[in-house]
Amino acid sequence: YIIIAVLMLSSTLIVGTEINGSQNWINFGFFSIQPSEIAKLFLILYLASAMQHIRDFRDVINVAVPVFISIALLVVAKDLGAALIFFGIFITMLYISTSNISYILIW
């Protein structure tokens, strides 16, 4: 799931159209899409499948690295609102899946 999300987010850097200062739209002529909206769903699916295997902090790091790559792609595309939502989804799902506040306070 996260591979699809990263590919969708990186596609805006290659073929994206800049609208209002951020390059986060893909224009197909008669309609435009914002891949970050679809990538949010894939992020949630990835986190739901990956977080069931968290046993210690090393597992949290392994789950977090692809999420932060996605966030970095959003920052490069100047889509800071979506980057904040991705981070919020990650933090919320991390707390729900582990119930460990120390993981949250580290980030």
PDB file of N, CA and C in Angstrom:
ATOM      1  N   TYR A   1       0.814  -1.200   0.000  1.00  0.00           N
ATOM      2  CA  TYR A   1       0.000   0.000   0.000  1.00  0.00           C
ATOM      3  C   TYR A   1       0.856   1.262   0.000  1.00  0.00           C
ATOM      4  N   ILE A   2       1.914   1.238   0.782  1.00  0.00           N
ATOM      5  CA  ILE A   2       2.722   2.448   0.886  1.00  0.00           C
ATOM      6  C   ILE A   2       3.496   2.694  -0.402  1.00  0.00           C
ATOM      7  N   ILE A   3       3.828   1.659  -1.122  1.00  0.00           N
ATOM      8  CA  ILE A   3       4.519   1.848  -2.408  1.00  0.00           C
ATOM      9  C   ILE A   3       3.606   2.580  -3.380  1.00  0.00           C
ATOM     10  N   ILE A   4       2.341   2.207  -3.411  1.00  0.00           N
ATOM     11  CA  ILE A   4       1.383   2.886  -4.284  1.00  0.00           C
ATOM     12  C   ILE A   4       1.237   4.346  -3.854  1.00  0.00           C
ATOM     13  N   ALA A   5       1.164   4.584  -2.546  1.00  0.00           N
ATOM     14  CA  ALA A   5       1.020   5.951  -2.053  1.00  0.00           C
ATOM     15  C   ALA A   5       2.232   6.804  -2.417  1.00  0.00           C
ATOM     16  N   VAL A   6       3.432   6.262  -2.248  1.00  0.00           N
ATOM     17  CA  VAL A   6       4.645   7.021  -2.576  1.00  0.00           C
ATOM     18  C   VAL A   6       4.718   7.286  -4.076  1.00  0.00           C
ATOM     19  N   LEU A   7       4.347   6.307  -4.887  1.00  0.00           N
ATOM     20  CA  LEU A   7       4.351   6.519  -6.338  1.00  0.00           C
ATOM     21  C   LEU A   7       3.352   7.600  -6.740  1.00  0.00           C
ATOM     22  N   MET A   8       2.196   7.592  -6.116  1.00  0.00           N
ATOM     23  CA  MET A   8       1.198   8.620  -6.423  1.00  0.00           C
ATOM     24  C   MET A   8       1.695  10.002  -6.022  1.00  0.00           C
ATOM     25  N   LEU A   9       2.321  10.097  -4.859  1.00  0.00           N
ATOM     26  CA  LEU A   9       2.809  11.389  -4.398  1.00  0.00           C
ATOM     27  C   LEU A   9       3.992  11.878  -5.227  1.00  0.00           C
ATOM     28  N   SER A  10       4.848  10.966  -5.642  1.00  0.00           N
ATOM     29  CA  SER A  10       5.995  11.384  -6.454  1.00  0.00           C
ATOM     30  C   SER A  10       5.589  11.700  -7.890  1.00  0.00           C
ATOM     31  N   SER A  11       4.457  11.181  -8.338  1.00  0.00           N
ATOM     32  CA  SER A  11       4.006  11.486  -9.698  1.00  0.00           C
ATOM     33  C   SER A  11       3.678  12.961  -9.864  1.00  0.00           C
ATOM     34  N   THR A  12       3.269  13.616  -8.781  1.00  0.00           N
ATOM     35  CA  THR A  12       2.972  15.049  -8.888  1.00  0.00           C
ATOM     36  C   THR A  12       4.237  15.862  -9.105  1.00  0.00           C
ATOM     37  N   LEU A  13       5.369  15.371  -8.648  1.00  0.00           N
ATOM     38  CA  LEU A  13       6.629  16.090  -8.859  1.00  0.00           C
ATOM     39  C   LEU A  13       7.084  15.985 -10.312  1.00  0.00           C
ATOM     40  N   ILE A  14       6.644  14.932 -10.997  1.00  0.00           N
ATOM     41  CA  ILE A  14       7.072  14.703 -12.379  1.00  0.00           C
ATOM     42  C   ILE A  14       6.087  15.335 -13.365  1.00  0.00           C
ATOM     43  N   VAL A  15       4.814  15.013 -13.218  1.00  0.00           N
ATOM     44  CA  VAL A  15       3.809  15.479 -14.185  1.00  0.00           C
ATOM     45  C   VAL A  15       2.765  16.389 -13.550  1.00  0.00           C
ATOM     46  N   GLY A  16       3.044  16.862 -12.357  1.00  0.00           N
ATOM     47  CA  GLY A  16       2.065  17.685 -11.652  1.00  0.00           C
ATOM     48  C   GLY A  16       1.938  19.081 -12.216  1.00  0.00           C
ATOM     49  N   THR A  17       0.777  19.656 -11.979  1.00  0.00           N
ATOM     50  CA  THR A  17       0.484  21.017 -12.391  1.00  0.00           C
ATOM     51  C   THR A  17       0.482  21.906 -11.164  1.00  0.00           C
ATOM     52  N   GLU A  18       1.136  23.051 -11.276  1.00  0.00           N
ATOM     53  CA  GLU A  18       1.181  23.971 -10.144  1.00  0.00           C
ATOM     54  C   GLU A  18      -0.056  24.854 -10.141  1.00  0.00           C
ATOM     55  N   ILE A  19      -0.803  24.797  -9.049  1.00  0.00           N
ATOM     56  CA  ILE A  19      -1.993  25.620  -8.867  1.00  0.00           C
ATOM     57  C   ILE A  19      -1.868  26.301  -7.513  1.00  0.00           C
ATOM     58  N   ASN A  20      -1.943  27.625  -7.517  1.00  0.00           N
ATOM     59  CA  ASN A  20      -1.839  28.435  -6.299  1.00  0.00           C
ATOM     60  C   ASN A  20      -0.552  28.166  -5.518  1.00  0.00           C
ATOM     61  N   GLY A  21       0.548  27.943  -6.209  1.00  0.00           N
ATOM     62  CA  GLY A  21       1.845  27.803  -5.571  1.00  0.00           C
ATOM     63  C   GLY A  21       2.234  26.409  -5.149  1.00  0.00           C
ATOM     64  N   SER A  22       1.338  25.432  -5.235  1.00  0.00           N
ATOM     65  CA  SER A  22       1.707  24.069  -4.860  1.00  0.00           C
ATOM     66  C   SER A  22       1.496  23.142  -6.052  1.00  0.00           C
ATOM     67  N   GLN A  23       2.463  22.267  -6.213  1.00  0.00           N
ATOM     68  CA  GLN A  23       2.446  21.355  -7.358  1.00  0.00           C
ATOM     69  C   GLN A  23       1.879  20.012  -6.896  1.00  0.00           C
ATOM     70  N   ASN A  24       0.582  19.959  -6.713  1.00  0.00           N
ATOM     71  CA  ASN A  24      -0.022  18.735  -6.191  1.00  0.00           C
ATOM     72  C   ASN A  24      -1.251  18.284  -6.967  1.00  0.00           C
ATOM     73  N   TRP A  25      -1.387  18.735  -8.191  1.00  0.00           N
ATOM     74  CA  TRP A  25      -2.506  18.337  -9.025  1.00  0.00           C
ATOM     75  C   TRP A  25      -1.989  17.662 -10.288  1.00  0.00           C
ATOM     76  N   ILE A  26      -2.704  16.668 -10.764  1.00  0.00           N
ATOM     77  CA  ILE A  26      -2.415  16.062 -12.055  1.00  0.00           C
ATOM     78  C   ILE A  26      -3.590  16.379 -12.962  1.00  0.00           C
ATOM     79  N   ASN A  27      -3.292  17.053 -14.061  1.00  0.00           N
ATOM     80  CA  ASN A  27      -4.315  17.513 -14.992  1.00  0.00           C
ATOM     81  C   ASN A  27      -4.432  16.528 -16.151  1.00  0.00           C
ATOM     82  N   PHE A  28      -5.632  16.025 -16.368  1.00  0.00           N
ATOM     83  CA  PHE A  28      -5.902  15.106 -17.469  1.00  0.00           C
ATOM     84  C   PHE A  28      -6.662  15.787 -18.605  1.00  0.00           C
ATOM     85  N   GLY A  29      -6.635  17.095 -18.644  1.00  0.00           N
ATOM     86  CA  GLY A  29      -7.318  17.831 -19.689  1.00  0.00           C
ATOM     87  C   GLY A  29      -8.715  18.236 -19.281  1.00  0.00           C
ATOM     88  N   PHE A  30      -9.596  17.268 -19.153  1.00  0.00           N
ATOM     89  CA  PHE A  30     -10.984  17.577 -18.807  1.00  0.00           C
ATOM     90  C   PHE A  30     -11.277  17.449 -17.318  1.00  0.00           C
ATOM     91  N   PHE A  31     -10.332  16.945 -16.556  1.00  0.00           N
ATOM     92  CA  PHE A  31     -10.462  16.933 -15.094  1.00  0.00           C
ATOM     93  C   PHE A  31      -9.075  16.839 -14.461  1.00  0.00           C
ATOM     94  N   SER A  32      -8.992  17.242 -13.217  1.00  0.00           N
ATOM     95  CA  SER A  32      -7.751  17.190 -12.458  1.00  0.00           C
ATOM     96  C   SER A  32      -7.985  16.392 -11.184  1.00  0.00           C
ATOM     97  N   ILE A  33      -6.946  15.702 -10.735  1.00  0.00           N
ATOM     98  CA  ILE A  33      -7.039  14.964  -9.474  1.00  0.00           C
ATOM     99  C   ILE A  33      -5.881  15.384  -8.581  1.00  0.00           C
ATOM    100  N   GLN A  34      -6.090  15.192  -7.308  1.00  0.00           N
ATOM    101  CA  GLN A  34      -5.052  15.445  -6.325  1.00  0.00           C
ATOM    102  C   GLN A  34      -4.686  14.088  -5.719  1.00  0.00           C
ATOM    103  N   PRO A  35      -3.566  13.497  -6.149  1.00  0.00           N
ATOM    104  CA  PRO A  35      -3.212  12.150  -5.704  1.00  0.00           C
ATOM    105  C   PRO A  35      -3.049  12.002  -4.199  1.00  0.00           C
ATOM    106  N   SER A  36      -2.794  13.093  -3.488  1.00  0.00           N
ATOM    107  CA  SER A  36      -2.632  12.975  -2.040  1.00  0.00           C
ATOM    108  C   SER A  36      -3.923  12.530  -1.357  1.00  0.00           C
ATOM    109  N   GLU A  37      -5.058  12.838  -1.954  1.00  0.00           N
ATOM    110  CA  GLU A  37      -6.331  12.401  -1.368  1.00  0.00           C
ATOM    111  C   GLU A  37      -6.485  10.888  -1.438  1.00  0.00           C
ATOM    112  N   ILE A  38      -6.092  10.310  -2.541  1.00  0.00           N
ATOM    113  CA  ILE A  38      -6.153   8.855  -2.684  1.00  0.00           C
ATOM    114  C   ILE A  38      -5.042   8.204  -1.862  1.00  0.00           C
ATOM    115  N   ALA A  39      -3.890   8.870  -1.797  1.00  0.00           N
ATOM    116  CA  ALA A  39      -2.766   8.329  -1.029  1.00  0.00           C
ATOM    117  C   ALA A  39      -3.089   8.248   0.463  1.00  0.00           C
ATOM    118  N   LYS A  40      -3.967   9.113   0.952  1.00  0.00           N
ATOM    119  CA  LYS A  40      -4.380   9.043   2.360  1.00  0.00           C
ATOM    120  C   LYS A  40      -5.027   7.702   2.673  1.00  0.00           C
ATOM    121  N   LEU A  41      -5.856   7.235   1.771  1.00  0.00           N
ATOM    122  CA  LEU A  41      -6.499   5.930   1.980  1.00  0.00           C
ATOM    123  C   LEU A  41      -5.474   4.804   1.990  1.00  0.00           C
ATOM    124  N   PHE A  42      -4.504   4.872   1.067  1.00  0.00           N
ATOM    125  CA  PHE A  42      -3.465   3.851   1.033  1.00  0.00           C
ATOM    126  C   PHE A  42      -2.572   3.926   2.265  1.00  0.00           C
ATOM    127  N   LEU A  43      -2.347   5.133   2.785  1.00  0.00           N
ATOM    128  CA  LEU A  43      -1.580   5.273   4.020  1.00  0.00           C
ATOM    129  C   LEU A  43      -2.296   4.591   5.176  1.00  0.00           C
ATOM    130  N   ILE A  44      -3.585   4.800   5.279  1.00  0.00           N
ATOM    131  CA  ILE A  44      -4.359   4.178   6.360  1.00  0.00           C
ATOM    132  C   ILE A  44      -4.324   2.661   6.232  1.00  0.00           C
ATOM    133  N   LEU A  45      -4.457   2.150   5.027  1.00  0.00           N
ATOM    134  CA  LEU A  45      -4.389   0.697   4.828  1.00  0.00           C
ATOM    135  C   LEU A  45      -3.008   0.150   5.183  1.00  0.00           C
ATOM    136  N   TYR A  46      -1.962   0.877   4.793  1.00  0.00           N
ATOM    137  CA  TYR A  46      -0.601   0.455   5.145  1.00  0.00           C
ATOM    138  C   TYR A  46      -0.415   0.429   6.656  1.00  0.00           C
ATOM    139  N   LEU A  47      -0.805   1.507   7.321  1.00  0.00           N
ATOM    140  CA  LEU A  47      -0.615   1.571   8.768  1.00  0.00           C
ATOM    141  C   LEU A  47      -1.424   0.508   9.495  1.00  0.00           C
ATOM    142  N   ALA A  48      -2.624   0.250   9.021  1.00  0.00           N
ATOM    143  CA  ALA A  48      -3.454  -0.779   9.663  1.00  0.00           C
ATOM    144  C   ALA A  48      -2.806  -2.155   9.542  1.00  0.00           C
ATOM    145  N   SER A  49      -2.198  -2.420   8.407  1.00  0.00           N
ATOM    146  CA  SER A  49      -1.569  -3.738   8.240  1.00  0.00           C
ATOM    147  C   SER A  49      -0.205  -3.811   8.916  1.00  0.00           C
ATOM    148  N   ALA A  50       0.543  -2.719   8.943  1.00  0.00           N
ATOM    149  CA  ALA A  50       1.896  -2.749   9.499  1.00  0.00           C
ATOM    150  C   ALA A  50       1.911  -2.628  11.017  1.00  0.00           C
ATOM    151  N   MET A  51       0.980  -1.902  11.585  1.00  0.00           N
ATOM    152  CA  MET A  51       1.028  -1.646  13.027  1.00  0.00           C
ATOM    153  C   MET A  51       0.570  -2.822  13.878  1.00  0.00           C
ATOM    154  N   GLN A  52       0.016  -3.811  13.261  1.00  0.00           N
ATOM    155  CA  GLN A  52      -0.367  -4.977  14.058  1.00  0.00           C
ATOM    156  C   GLN A  52       0.853  -5.804  14.467  1.00  0.00           C
ATOM    157  N   HIS A  53       2.012  -5.525  13.874  1.00  0.00           N
ATOM    158  CA  HIS A  53       3.229  -6.281  14.165  1.00  0.00           C
ATOM    159  C   HIS A  53       4.204  -5.510  15.058  1.00  0.00           C
ATOM    160  N   ILE A  54       3.807  -4.374  15.603  1.00  0.00           N
ATOM    161  CA  ILE A  54       4.707  -3.570  16.438  1.00  0.00           C
ATOM    162  C   ILE A  54       4.870  -4.227  17.804  1.00  0.00           C
ATOM    163  N   ARG A  55       6.151  -4.493  18.156  1.00  0.00           N
ATOM    164  CA  ARG A  55       6.468  -5.055  19.458  1.00  0.00           C
ATOM    165  C   ARG A  55       7.360  -4.129  20.278  1.00  0.00           C
ATOM    166  N   ASP A  56       8.234  -3.368  19.588  1.00  0.00           N
ATOM    167  CA  ASP A  56       9.136  -2.455  20.281  1.00  0.00           C
ATOM    168  C   ASP A  56       9.370  -1.210  19.425  1.00  0.00           C
ATOM    169  N   PHE A  57      10.251  -0.348  19.911  1.00  0.00           N
ATOM    170  CA  PHE A  57      10.460   0.932  19.227  1.00  0.00           C
ATOM    171  C   PHE A  57      11.107   0.747  17.859  1.00  0.00           C
ATOM    172  N   ARG A  58      11.897  -0.270  17.679  1.00  0.00           N
ATOM    173  CA  ARG A  58      12.512  -0.537  16.372  1.00  0.00           C
ATOM    174  C   ARG A  58      11.432  -0.813  15.325  1.00  0.00           C
ATOM    175  N   ASP A  59      10.393  -1.527  15.704  1.00  0.00           N
ATOM    176  CA  ASP A  59       9.281  -1.767  14.786  1.00  0.00           C
ATOM    177  C   ASP A  59       8.561  -0.466  14.445  1.00  0.00           C
ATOM    178  N   VAL A  60       8.461   0.435  15.404  1.00  0.00           N
ATOM    179  CA  VAL A  60       7.833   1.728  15.148  1.00  0.00           C
ATOM    180  C   VAL A  60       8.652   2.505  14.116  1.00  0.00           C
ATOM    181  N   ILE A  61       9.968   2.470  14.240  1.00  0.00           N
ATOM    182  CA  ILE A  61      10.838   3.157  13.277  1.00  0.00           C
ATOM    183  C   ILE A  61      10.660   2.556  11.883  1.00  0.00           C
ATOM    184  N   ASN A  62      10.590   1.240  11.799  1.00  0.00           N
ATOM    185  CA  ASN A  62      10.413   0.579  10.494  1.00  0.00           C
ATOM    186  C   ASN A  62       9.097   0.967   9.836  1.00  0.00           C
ATOM    187  N   VAL A  63       8.062   1.155  10.625  1.00  0.00           N
ATOM    188  CA  VAL A  63       6.770   1.579  10.092  1.00  0.00           C
ATOM    189  C   VAL A  63       6.803   3.059   9.729  1.00  0.00           C
ATOM    190  N   ALA A  64       7.530   3.861  10.504  1.00  0.00           N
ATOM    191  CA  ALA A  64       7.526   5.314  10.335  1.00  0.00           C
ATOM    192  C   ALA A  64       8.337   5.798   9.140  1.00  0.00           C
ATOM    193  N   VAL A  65       9.370   5.085   8.750  1.00  0.00           N
ATOM    194  CA  VAL A  65      10.248   5.563   7.669  1.00  0.00           C
ATOM    195  C   VAL A  65       9.475   5.802   6.365  1.00  0.00           C
ATOM    196  N   PRO A  66       8.664   4.851   5.879  1.00  0.00           N
ATOM    197  CA  PRO A  66       7.912   5.137   4.657  1.00  0.00           C
ATOM    198  C   PRO A  66       6.890   6.263   4.823  1.00  0.00           C
ATOM    199  N   VAL A  67       6.355   6.411   6.008  1.00  0.00           N
ATOM    200  CA  VAL A  67       5.399   7.497   6.258  1.00  0.00           C
ATOM    201  C   VAL A  67       6.095   8.846   6.145  1.00  0.00           C
ATOM    202  N   PHE A  68       7.293   8.944   6.700  1.00  0.00           N
ATOM    203  CA  PHE A  68       8.024  10.199   6.631  1.00  0.00           C
ATOM    204  C   PHE A  68       8.563  10.479   5.232  1.00  0.00           C
ATOM    205  N   ILE A  69       8.800   9.448   4.443  1.00  0.00           N
ATOM    206  CA  ILE A  69       9.137   9.658   3.034  1.00  0.00           C
ATOM    207  C   ILE A  69       7.940  10.271   2.314  1.00  0.00           C
ATOM    208  N   SER A  70       6.758   9.767   2.607  1.00  0.00           N
ATOM    209  CA  SER A  70       5.537  10.339   2.025  1.00  0.00           C
ATOM    210  C   SER A  70       5.353  11.789   2.444  1.00  0.00           C
ATOM    211  N   ILE A  71       5.592  12.070   3.706  1.00  0.00           N
ATOM    212  CA  ILE A  71       5.461  13.444   4.198  1.00  0.00           C
ATOM    213  C   ILE A  71       6.493  14.343   3.526  1.00  0.00           C
ATOM    214  N   ALA A  72       7.702  13.853   3.342  1.00  0.00           N
ATOM    215  CA  ALA A  72       8.741  14.646   2.677  1.00  0.00           C
ATOM    216  C   ALA A  72       8.347  14.964   1.240  1.00  0.00           C
ATOM    217  N   LEU A  73       7.750  14.012   0.542  1.00  0.00           N
ATOM    218  CA  LEU A  73       7.290  14.268  -0.825  1.00  0.00           C
ATOM    219  C   LEU A  73       6.215  15.349  -0.847  1.00  0.00           C
ATOM    220  N   LEU A  74       5.345  15.330   0.147  1.00  0.00           N
ATOM    221  CA  LEU A  74       4.311  16.361   0.225  1.00  0.00           C
ATOM    222  C   LEU A  74       4.902  17.732   0.526  1.00  0.00           C
ATOM    223  N   VAL A  75       5.918  17.776   1.355  1.00  0.00           N
ATOM    224  CA  VAL A  75       6.560  19.051   1.666  1.00  0.00           C
ATOM    225  C   VAL A  75       7.264  19.601   0.433  1.00  0.00           C
ATOM    226  N   VAL A  76       7.928  18.734  -0.325  1.00  0.00           N
ATOM    227  CA  VAL A  76       8.599  19.179  -1.549  1.00  0.00           C
ATOM    228  C   VAL A  76       7.584  19.732  -2.548  1.00  0.00           C
ATOM    229  N   ALA A  77       6.406  19.118  -2.613  1.00  0.00           N
ATOM    230  CA  ALA A  77       5.352  19.585  -3.518  1.00  0.00           C
ATOM    231  C   ALA A  77       4.597  20.785  -2.942  1.00  0.00           C
ATOM    232  N   LYS A  78       4.983  21.233  -1.761  1.00  0.00           N
ATOM    233  CA  LYS A  78       4.378  22.376  -1.073  1.00  0.00           C
ATOM    234  C   LYS A  78       2.913  22.144  -0.719  1.00  0.00           C
ATOM    235  N   ASP A  79       2.586  20.908  -0.377  1.00  0.00           N
ATOM    236  CA  ASP A  79       1.239  20.565   0.076  1.00  0.00           C
ATOM    237  C   ASP A  79       1.311  20.318   1.585  1.00  0.00           C
ATOM    238  N   LEU A  80       1.493  21.389   2.329  1.00  0.00           N
ATOM    239  CA  LEU A  80       1.748  21.266   3.761  1.00  0.00           C
ATOM    240  C   LEU A  80       0.524  20.812   4.545  1.00  0.00           C
ATOM    241  N   GLY A  81      -0.661  21.133   4.061  1.00  0.00           N
ATOM    242  CA  GLY A  81      -1.876  20.681   4.739  1.00  0.00           C
ATOM    243  C   GLY A  81      -1.999  19.170   4.700  1.00  0.00           C
ATOM    244  N   ALA A  82      -1.748  18.586   3.543  1.00  0.00           N
ATOM    245  CA  ALA A  82      -1.799  17.129   3.432  1.00  0.00           C
ATOM    246  C   ALA A  82      -0.677  16.488   4.247  1.00  0.00           C
ATOM    247  N   ALA A  83       0.500  17.125   4.297  1.00  0.00           N
ATOM    248  CA  ALA A  83       1.602  16.592   5.100  1.00  0.00           C
ATOM    249  C   ALA A  83       1.213  16.541   6.571  1.00  0.00           C
ATOM    250  N   LEU A  84       0.542  17.585   7.039  1.00  0.00           N
ATOM    251  CA  LEU A  84       0.093  17.605   8.430  1.00  0.00           C
ATOM    252  C   LEU A  84      -0.959  16.528   8.685  1.00  0.00           C
ATOM    253  N   ILE A  85      -1.836  16.311   7.740  1.00  0.00           N
ATOM    254  CA  ILE A  85      -2.851  15.260   7.888  1.00  0.00           C
ATOM    255  C   ILE A  85      -2.193  13.886   7.908  1.00  0.00           C
ATOM    256  N   PHE A  86      -1.197  13.650   7.044  1.00  0.00           N
ATOM    257  CA  PHE A  86      -0.484  12.373   7.045  1.00  0.00           C
ATOM    258  C   PHE A  86       0.170  12.142   8.412  1.00  0.00           C
ATOM    259  N   PHE A  87       0.805  13.178   8.955  1.00  0.00           N
ATOM    260  CA  PHE A  87       1.437  13.051  10.264  1.00  0.00           C
ATOM    261  C   PHE A  87       0.403  12.784  11.343  1.00  0.00           C
ATOM    262  N   GLY A  88      -0.722  13.476  11.281  1.00  0.00           N
ATOM    263  CA  GLY A  88      -1.790  13.251  12.262  1.00  0.00           C
ATOM    264  C   GLY A  88      -2.364  11.852  12.194  1.00  0.00           C
ATOM    265  N   ILE A  89      -2.532  11.346  10.979  1.00  0.00           N
ATOM    266  CA  ILE A  89      -3.011   9.966  10.812  1.00  0.00           C
ATOM    267  C   ILE A  89      -2.019   8.993  11.428  1.00  0.00           C
ATOM    268  N   PHE A  90      -0.727   9.219  11.162  1.00  0.00           N
ATOM    269  CA  PHE A  90       0.312   8.333  11.702  1.00  0.00           C
ATOM    270  C   PHE A  90       0.310   8.340  13.227  1.00  0.00           C
ATOM    271  N   ILE A  91       0.298   9.528  13.826  1.00  0.00           N
ATOM    272  CA  ILE A  91       0.337   9.631  15.285  1.00  0.00           C
ATOM    273  C   ILE A  91      -0.907   9.007  15.907  1.00  0.00           C
ATOM    274  N   THR A  92      -2.061   9.275  15.333  1.00  0.00           N
ATOM    275  CA  THR A  92      -3.311   8.738  15.873  1.00  0.00           C
ATOM    276  C   THR A  92      -3.338   7.222  15.786  1.00  0.00           C
ATOM    277  N   MET A  93      -2.976   6.686  14.643  1.00  0.00           N
ATOM    278  CA  MET A  93      -3.006   5.229  14.497  1.00  0.00           C
ATOM    279  C   MET A  93      -1.929   4.554  15.342  1.00  0.00           C
ATOM    280  N   LEU A  94      -0.796   5.233  15.537  1.00  0.00           N
ATOM    281  CA  LEU A  94       0.253   4.680  16.403  1.00  0.00           C
ATOM    282  C   LEU A  94      -0.240   4.579  17.835  1.00  0.00           C
ATOM    283  N   TYR A  95      -0.896   5.614  18.312  1.00  0.00           N
ATOM    284  CA  TYR A  95      -1.400   5.568  19.683  1.00  0.00           C
ATOM    285  C   TYR A  95      -2.523   4.542  19.832  1.00  0.00           C
ATOM    286  N   ILE A  96      -3.410   4.481  18.869  1.00  0.00           N
ATOM    287  CA  ILE A  96      -4.515   3.523  18.958  1.00  0.00           C
ATOM    288  C   ILE A  96      -3.995   2.090  18.928  1.00  0.00           C
ATOM    289  N   SER A  97      -2.983   1.830  18.108  1.00  0.00           N
ATOM    290  CA  SER A  97      -2.510   0.453  17.974  1.00  0.00           C
ATOM    291  C   SER A  97      -1.605   0.014  19.121  1.00  0.00           C
ATOM    292  N   THR A  98      -0.881   0.955  19.750  1.00  0.00           N
ATOM    293  CA  THR A  98       0.053   0.555  20.800  1.00  0.00           C
ATOM    294  C   THR A  98      -0.380   0.972  22.199  1.00  0.00           C
ATOM    295  N   SER A  99      -1.178   2.019  22.318  1.00  0.00           N
ATOM    296  CA  SER A  99      -1.580   2.606  23.608  1.00  0.00           C
ATOM    297  C   SER A  99      -0.367   2.979  24.458  1.00  0.00           C
ATOM    298  N   ASN A 100       0.722   3.333  23.783  1.00  0.00           N
ATOM    299  CA  ASN A 100       1.950   3.705  24.461  1.00  0.00           C
ATOM    300  C   ASN A 100       2.220   5.192  24.205  1.00  0.00           C
ATOM    301  N   ILE A 101       2.007   6.008  25.202  1.00  0.00           N
ATOM    302  CA  ILE A 101       2.162   7.459  25.052  1.00  0.00           C
ATOM    303  C   ILE A 101       3.616   7.848  24.820  1.00  0.00           C
ATOM    304  N   SER A 102       4.561   7.037  25.246  1.00  0.00           N
ATOM    305  CA  SER A 102       5.975   7.392  25.055  1.00  0.00           C
ATOM    306  C   SER A 102       6.341   7.383  23.576  1.00  0.00           C
ATOM    307  N   TYR A 103       5.731   6.535  22.761  1.00  0.00           N
ATOM    308  CA  TYR A 103       5.975   6.573  21.321  1.00  0.00           C
ATOM    309  C   TYR A 103       5.513   7.885  20.724  1.00  0.00           C
ATOM    310  N   ILE A 104       4.411   8.388  21.228  1.00  0.00           N
ATOM    311  CA  ILE A 104       3.860   9.639  20.712  1.00  0.00           C
ATOM    312  C   ILE A 104       4.733  10.824  21.141  1.00  0.00           C
ATOM    313  N   LEU A 105       5.196  10.828  22.368  1.00  0.00           N
ATOM    314  CA  LEU A 105       5.985  11.940  22.865  1.00  0.00           C
ATOM    315  C   LEU A 105       7.356  12.014  22.197  1.00  0.00           C
ATOM    316  N   ILE A 106       7.870  10.922  21.705  1.00  0.00           N
ATOM    317  CA  ILE A 106       9.151  10.919  20.998  1.00  0.00           C
ATOM    318  C   ILE A 106       9.053  11.680  19.698  1.00  0.00           C
ATOM    319  N   TRP A 107       7.947  11.586  18.996  1.00  0.00           N
ATOM    320  CA  TRP A 107       7.804  12.261  17.706  1.00  0.00           C
ATOM    321  C   TRP A 107       7.541  13.711  17.932  1.00  0.00           C
TER     322      TRP A 107
END
